[in-house]
Amino acid sequence: MNVTPKSIYNWYSQTIRNPKYRWWIILGSLLYLLSPLDISPDLIPIAGQVDDIVILTLLLTEVSQMVIDYSKLRKDNPTSTQATQPEADVKTVDVDSVSMD
């Protein structure tokens, strides 16, 4: 099994975007950041903070991307109240129907 930083990032981003596991990954990331138990202890200068910074960066990047995607989705699909309001620059075309017997 080849564990690379890219494979870890891909796993993290795919798992956090899955609605079934999203909140578990966010909660686990926050618990890891607050926990005194780390891959590299925080008492070691610089190296101790690297793992926390990486997890925090991954978490913030993925959550902000999900918020951006959600806002774009809401912008592209307006609510029904916005869709029923007429716009001033919309032109109506009248069409006569003809039966094709």
N, C-alpha and C. Protein backbone atom coordinates (compact mmCIF):
# COMPACT_ATOMS: atom_id res chain seq x y z
N MET A 1 0.85 -1.19 0.00
CA MET A 1 0.00 0.00 0.00
C MET A 1 0.89 1.24 0.00
N ASN A 2 0.65 2.12 -0.94
CA ASN A 2 1.45 3.32 -1.11
C ASN A 2 0.71 4.51 -0.50
N VAL A 3 1.21 4.99 0.64
CA VAL A 3 0.57 6.12 1.32
C VAL A 3 1.41 7.36 1.03
N THR A 4 0.82 8.25 0.25
CA THR A 4 1.48 9.51 -0.10
C THR A 4 0.62 10.66 0.41
N PRO A 5 1.19 11.84 0.52
CA PRO A 5 0.37 12.98 0.92
C PRO A 5 -0.82 13.21 -0.01
N LYS A 6 -0.62 12.98 -1.31
CA LYS A 6 -1.72 13.16 -2.27
C LYS A 6 -2.83 12.14 -2.03
N SER A 7 -2.47 10.90 -1.73
CA SER A 7 -3.50 9.88 -1.48
C SER A 7 -4.26 10.18 -0.19
N ILE A 8 -3.58 10.71 0.81
CA ILE A 8 -4.26 11.10 2.06
C ILE A 8 -5.20 12.26 1.79
N TYR A 9 -4.74 13.25 1.03
CA TYR A 9 -5.59 14.39 0.69
C TYR A 9 -6.82 13.94 -0.10
N ASN A 10 -6.62 13.07 -1.09
CA ASN A 10 -7.75 12.58 -1.89
C ASN A 10 -8.75 11.83 -1.03
N TRP A 11 -8.27 10.99 -0.12
CA TRP A 11 -9.16 10.26 0.78
C TRP A 11 -9.95 11.24 1.64
N TYR A 12 -9.25 12.22 2.22
CA TYR A 12 -9.89 13.19 3.11
C TYR A 12 -10.96 14.00 2.37
N SER A 13 -10.62 14.50 1.19
CA SER A 13 -11.56 15.34 0.46
C SER A 13 -12.76 14.53 -0.03
N GLN A 14 -12.57 13.30 -0.46
CA GLN A 14 -13.69 12.47 -0.90
C GLN A 14 -14.58 12.08 0.27
N THR A 15 -13.97 11.78 1.41
CA THR A 15 -14.74 11.35 2.57
C THR A 15 -15.53 12.50 3.17
N ILE A 16 -14.95 13.68 3.23
CA ILE A 16 -15.65 14.83 3.83
C ILE A 16 -16.79 15.29 2.93
N ARG A 17 -16.73 15.02 1.65
CA ARG A 17 -17.81 15.41 0.74
C ARG A 17 -18.95 14.38 0.72
N ASN A 18 -18.73 13.24 1.33
CA ASN A 18 -19.78 12.24 1.45
C ASN A 18 -20.68 12.63 2.61
N PRO A 19 -21.98 12.89 2.37
CA PRO A 19 -22.86 13.35 3.44
C PRO A 19 -22.96 12.37 4.62
N LYS A 20 -22.72 11.10 4.35
CA LYS A 20 -22.81 10.09 5.41
C LYS A 20 -21.68 10.25 6.43
N TYR A 21 -20.49 10.66 5.97
CA TYR A 21 -19.32 10.74 6.85
C TYR A 21 -18.86 12.16 7.15
N ARG A 22 -19.48 13.14 6.52
CA ARG A 22 -19.01 14.54 6.61
C ARG A 22 -18.83 15.00 8.05
N TRP A 23 -19.85 14.87 8.86
CA TRP A 23 -19.78 15.39 10.23
C TRP A 23 -18.82 14.60 11.09
N TRP A 24 -18.64 13.31 10.78
CA TRP A 24 -17.67 12.50 11.53
C TRP A 24 -16.24 12.96 11.23
N ILE A 25 -15.98 13.28 9.98
CA ILE A 25 -14.64 13.75 9.60
C ILE A 25 -14.36 15.13 10.21
N ILE A 26 -15.35 16.01 10.16
CA ILE A 26 -15.18 17.34 10.75
C ILE A 26 -14.96 17.22 12.26
N LEU A 27 -15.78 16.41 12.93
CA LEU A 27 -15.63 16.21 14.37
C LEU A 27 -14.29 15.57 14.70
N GLY A 28 -13.89 14.56 13.94
CA GLY A 28 -12.60 13.91 14.17
C GLY A 28 -11.43 14.86 13.97
N SER A 29 -11.54 15.72 12.96
CA SER A 29 -10.47 16.69 12.71
C SER A 29 -10.37 17.69 13.85
N LEU A 30 -11.50 18.17 14.33
CA LEU A 30 -11.49 19.11 15.44
C LEU A 30 -10.97 18.46 16.72
N LEU A 31 -11.37 17.21 16.97
CA LEU A 31 -10.87 16.50 18.15
C LEU A 31 -9.36 16.29 18.05
N TYR A 32 -8.86 15.97 16.88
CA TYR A 32 -7.42 15.80 16.69
C TYR A 32 -6.68 17.10 16.97
N LEU A 33 -7.24 18.22 16.50
CA LEU A 33 -6.59 19.51 16.73
C LEU A 33 -6.57 19.88 18.21
N LEU A 34 -7.61 19.51 18.94
CA LEU A 34 -7.69 19.86 20.36
C LEU A 34 -7.01 18.84 21.27
N SER A 35 -6.79 17.65 20.78
CA SER A 35 -6.21 16.58 21.57
C SER A 35 -4.71 16.79 21.79
N PRO A 36 -4.23 16.43 22.99
CA PRO A 36 -2.78 16.51 23.21
C PRO A 36 -2.03 15.35 22.55
N LEU A 37 -2.75 14.32 22.10
CA LEU A 37 -2.12 13.19 21.42
C LEU A 37 -2.06 13.46 19.93
N ASP A 38 -0.87 13.56 19.39
CA ASP A 38 -0.69 13.87 17.97
C ASP A 38 0.31 12.89 17.35
N ILE A 39 0.40 12.94 16.03
CA ILE A 39 1.43 12.16 15.34
C ILE A 39 2.81 12.66 15.77
N SER A 40 2.97 13.97 15.79
CA SER A 40 4.20 14.56 16.32
C SER A 40 3.79 15.49 17.47
N PRO A 41 4.30 15.23 18.68
CA PRO A 41 3.89 16.02 19.85
C PRO A 41 4.16 17.50 19.68
N ASP A 42 3.27 18.31 20.24
CA ASP A 42 3.38 19.76 20.10
C ASP A 42 4.57 20.33 20.87
N LEU A 43 5.18 19.55 21.75
CA LEU A 43 6.34 20.03 22.50
C LEU A 43 7.58 20.16 21.63
N ILE A 44 7.59 19.44 20.52
CA ILE A 44 8.73 19.54 19.59
C ILE A 44 8.54 20.81 18.76
N PRO A 45 9.49 21.74 18.82
CA PRO A 45 9.32 22.99 18.08
C PRO A 45 9.16 22.76 16.58
N ILE A 46 8.30 23.48 15.97
CA ILE A 46 7.96 23.50 14.54
C ILE A 46 7.39 22.17 14.07
N ALA A 47 8.12 21.08 14.24
CA ALA A 47 7.64 19.78 13.78
C ALA A 47 6.36 19.37 14.51
N GLY A 48 6.21 19.80 15.74
CA GLY A 48 5.02 19.46 16.50
C GLY A 48 3.78 20.16 16.00
N GLN A 49 3.93 21.30 15.38
CA GLN A 49 2.78 22.04 14.88
C GLN A 49 2.46 21.72 13.43
N VAL A 50 3.36 21.08 12.71
CA VAL A 50 3.16 20.81 11.29
C VAL A 50 1.92 19.95 11.06
N ASP A 51 1.76 18.86 11.83
CA ASP A 51 0.60 17.99 11.61
C ASP A 51 -0.70 18.71 11.92
N ASP A 52 -0.70 19.55 12.96
CA ASP A 52 -1.90 20.33 13.27
C ASP A 52 -2.22 21.32 12.15
N ILE A 53 -1.21 21.96 11.62
CA ILE A 53 -1.42 22.93 10.53
C ILE A 53 -1.94 22.23 9.28
N VAL A 54 -1.42 21.04 9.00
CA VAL A 54 -1.87 20.30 7.83
C VAL A 54 -3.35 19.91 7.98
N ILE A 55 -3.73 19.39 9.15
CA ILE A 55 -5.12 19.00 9.38
C ILE A 55 -6.03 20.22 9.33
N LEU A 56 -5.62 21.31 9.95
CA LEU A 56 -6.42 22.54 9.93
C LEU A 56 -6.57 23.07 8.52
N THR A 57 -5.50 23.04 7.73
CA THR A 57 -5.56 23.50 6.35
C THR A 57 -6.51 22.63 5.52
N LEU A 58 -6.40 21.31 5.67
CA LEU A 58 -7.31 20.40 4.96
C LEU A 58 -8.75 20.68 5.34
N LEU A 59 -9.01 20.81 6.63
CA LEU A 59 -10.37 21.04 7.10
C LEU A 59 -10.93 22.35 6.57
N LEU A 60 -10.18 23.42 6.70
CA LEU A 60 -10.67 24.73 6.24
C LEU A 60 -10.84 24.77 4.72
N THR A 61 -9.93 24.14 4.00
CA THR A 61 -10.03 24.12 2.54
C THR A 61 -11.28 23.39 2.08
N GLU A 62 -11.52 22.22 2.63
CA GLU A 62 -12.66 21.42 2.19
C GLU A 62 -13.99 22.03 2.64
N VAL A 63 -14.06 22.52 3.86
CA VAL A 63 -15.31 23.13 4.33
C VAL A 63 -15.61 24.40 3.55
N SER A 64 -14.59 25.22 3.28
CA SER A 64 -14.84 26.45 2.51
C SER A 64 -15.26 26.11 1.08
N GLN A 65 -14.69 25.07 0.49
CA GLN A 65 -15.09 24.67 -0.86
C GLN A 65 -16.53 24.16 -0.87
N MET A 66 -16.93 23.44 0.18
CA MET A 66 -18.31 22.98 0.25
C MET A 66 -19.27 24.16 0.39
N VAL A 67 -18.88 25.18 1.15
CA VAL A 67 -19.72 26.37 1.30
C VAL A 67 -19.82 27.11 -0.04
N ILE A 68 -18.72 27.23 -0.75
CA ILE A 68 -18.73 27.89 -2.06
C ILE A 68 -19.62 27.12 -3.04
N ASP A 69 -19.48 25.79 -3.07
CA ASP A 69 -20.31 24.96 -3.96
C ASP A 69 -21.79 25.10 -3.61
N TYR A 70 -22.10 25.14 -2.31
CA TYR A 70 -23.49 25.27 -1.87
C TYR A 70 -24.05 26.63 -2.28
N SER A 71 -23.25 27.68 -2.12
CA SER A 71 -23.75 29.01 -2.50
C SER A 71 -23.95 29.13 -4.01
N LYS A 72 -23.07 28.50 -4.80
CA LYS A 72 -23.25 28.49 -6.25
C LYS A 72 -24.50 27.72 -6.64
N LEU A 73 -24.75 26.62 -5.96
CA LEU A 73 -25.93 25.81 -6.23
C LEU A 73 -27.20 26.61 -5.93
N ARG A 74 -27.20 27.33 -4.81
CA ARG A 74 -28.37 28.15 -4.47
C ARG A 74 -28.54 29.30 -5.44
N LYS A 75 -27.44 29.84 -5.94
CA LYS A 75 -27.51 30.95 -6.88
C LYS A 75 -28.05 30.45 -8.23
N ASP A 76 -27.62 29.26 -8.66
CA ASP A 76 -28.07 28.70 -9.93
C ASP A 76 -29.51 28.22 -9.88
N ASN A 77 -29.98 27.77 -8.73
CA ASN A 77 -31.34 27.26 -8.56
C ASN A 77 -32.10 28.15 -7.58
N PRO A 78 -32.66 29.25 -8.06
CA PRO A 78 -33.36 30.15 -7.14
C PRO A 78 -34.60 29.47 -6.56
N THR A 79 -35.03 29.98 -5.43
CA THR A 79 -36.22 29.43 -4.79
C THR A 79 -37.46 29.74 -5.61
N SER A 80 -38.55 29.09 -5.30
CA SER A 80 -39.76 29.26 -6.11
C SER A 80 -40.31 30.68 -6.05
N THR A 81 -40.11 31.39 -4.95
CA THR A 81 -40.60 32.77 -4.88
C THR A 81 -39.82 33.68 -5.82
N GLN A 82 -38.53 33.41 -5.96
CA GLN A 82 -37.74 34.22 -6.87
C GLN A 82 -38.03 33.85 -8.32
N ALA A 83 -38.35 32.60 -8.58
CA ALA A 83 -38.58 32.16 -9.95
C ALA A 83 -39.90 32.67 -10.51
N THR A 84 -40.88 32.94 -9.64
CA THR A 84 -42.18 33.38 -10.13
C THR A 84 -42.26 34.89 -10.34
N GLN A 85 -41.29 35.63 -9.86
CA GLN A 85 -41.32 37.08 -10.04
C GLN A 85 -40.91 37.42 -11.46
N PRO A 86 -41.72 38.25 -12.15
CA PRO A 86 -41.37 38.61 -13.53
C PRO A 86 -40.19 39.56 -13.54
N GLU A 87 -39.39 39.43 -14.56
CA GLU A 87 -38.25 40.32 -14.73
C GLU A 87 -38.61 41.37 -15.78
N ALA A 88 -38.08 42.56 -15.67
CA ALA A 88 -38.44 43.67 -16.54
C ALA A 88 -37.96 43.47 -17.98
N ASP A 89 -36.83 42.80 -18.17
CA ASP A 89 -36.29 42.69 -19.51
C ASP A 89 -36.68 41.39 -20.24
N VAL A 90 -37.62 40.63 -19.69
CA VAL A 90 -38.07 39.39 -20.34
C VAL A 90 -39.17 39.72 -21.33
N LYS A 91 -39.03 39.21 -22.56
CA LYS A 91 -40.03 39.46 -23.59
C LYS A 91 -40.86 38.20 -23.78
N THR A 92 -42.15 38.37 -23.96
CA THR A 92 -43.07 37.26 -24.14
C THR A 92 -43.34 37.08 -25.62
N VAL A 93 -43.37 35.84 -26.08
CA VAL A 93 -43.66 35.53 -27.46
C VAL A 93 -44.98 34.79 -27.49
N ASP A 94 -45.95 35.29 -28.26
CA ASP A 94 -47.24 34.63 -28.41
C ASP A 94 -47.16 33.66 -29.59
N VAL A 95 -47.66 32.43 -29.35
CA VAL A 95 -47.62 31.40 -30.37
C VAL A 95 -48.99 30.82 -30.53
N ASP A 96 -49.47 30.70 -31.80
CA ASP A 96 -50.74 30.04 -32.08
C ASP A 96 -50.47 28.57 -32.33
N SER A 97 -51.25 27.74 -31.67
CA SER A 97 -51.05 26.29 -31.86
C SER A 97 -51.92 25.79 -33.01
N VAL A 98 -51.41 24.83 -33.72
CA VAL A 98 -52.10 24.24 -34.85
C VAL A 98 -52.06 22.73 -34.66
N SER A 99 -53.23 22.07 -34.82
CA SER A 99 -53.24 20.61 -34.67
C SER A 99 -52.71 19.96 -35.94
N MET A 100 -52.02 18.87 -35.79
CA MET A 100 -51.37 18.20 -36.91
C MET A 100 -52.11 16.89 -37.20
N ASP A 101 -53.38 16.97 -37.63
CA ASP A 101 -54.19 15.76 -37.93
C ASP A 101 -53.95 15.26 -39.31
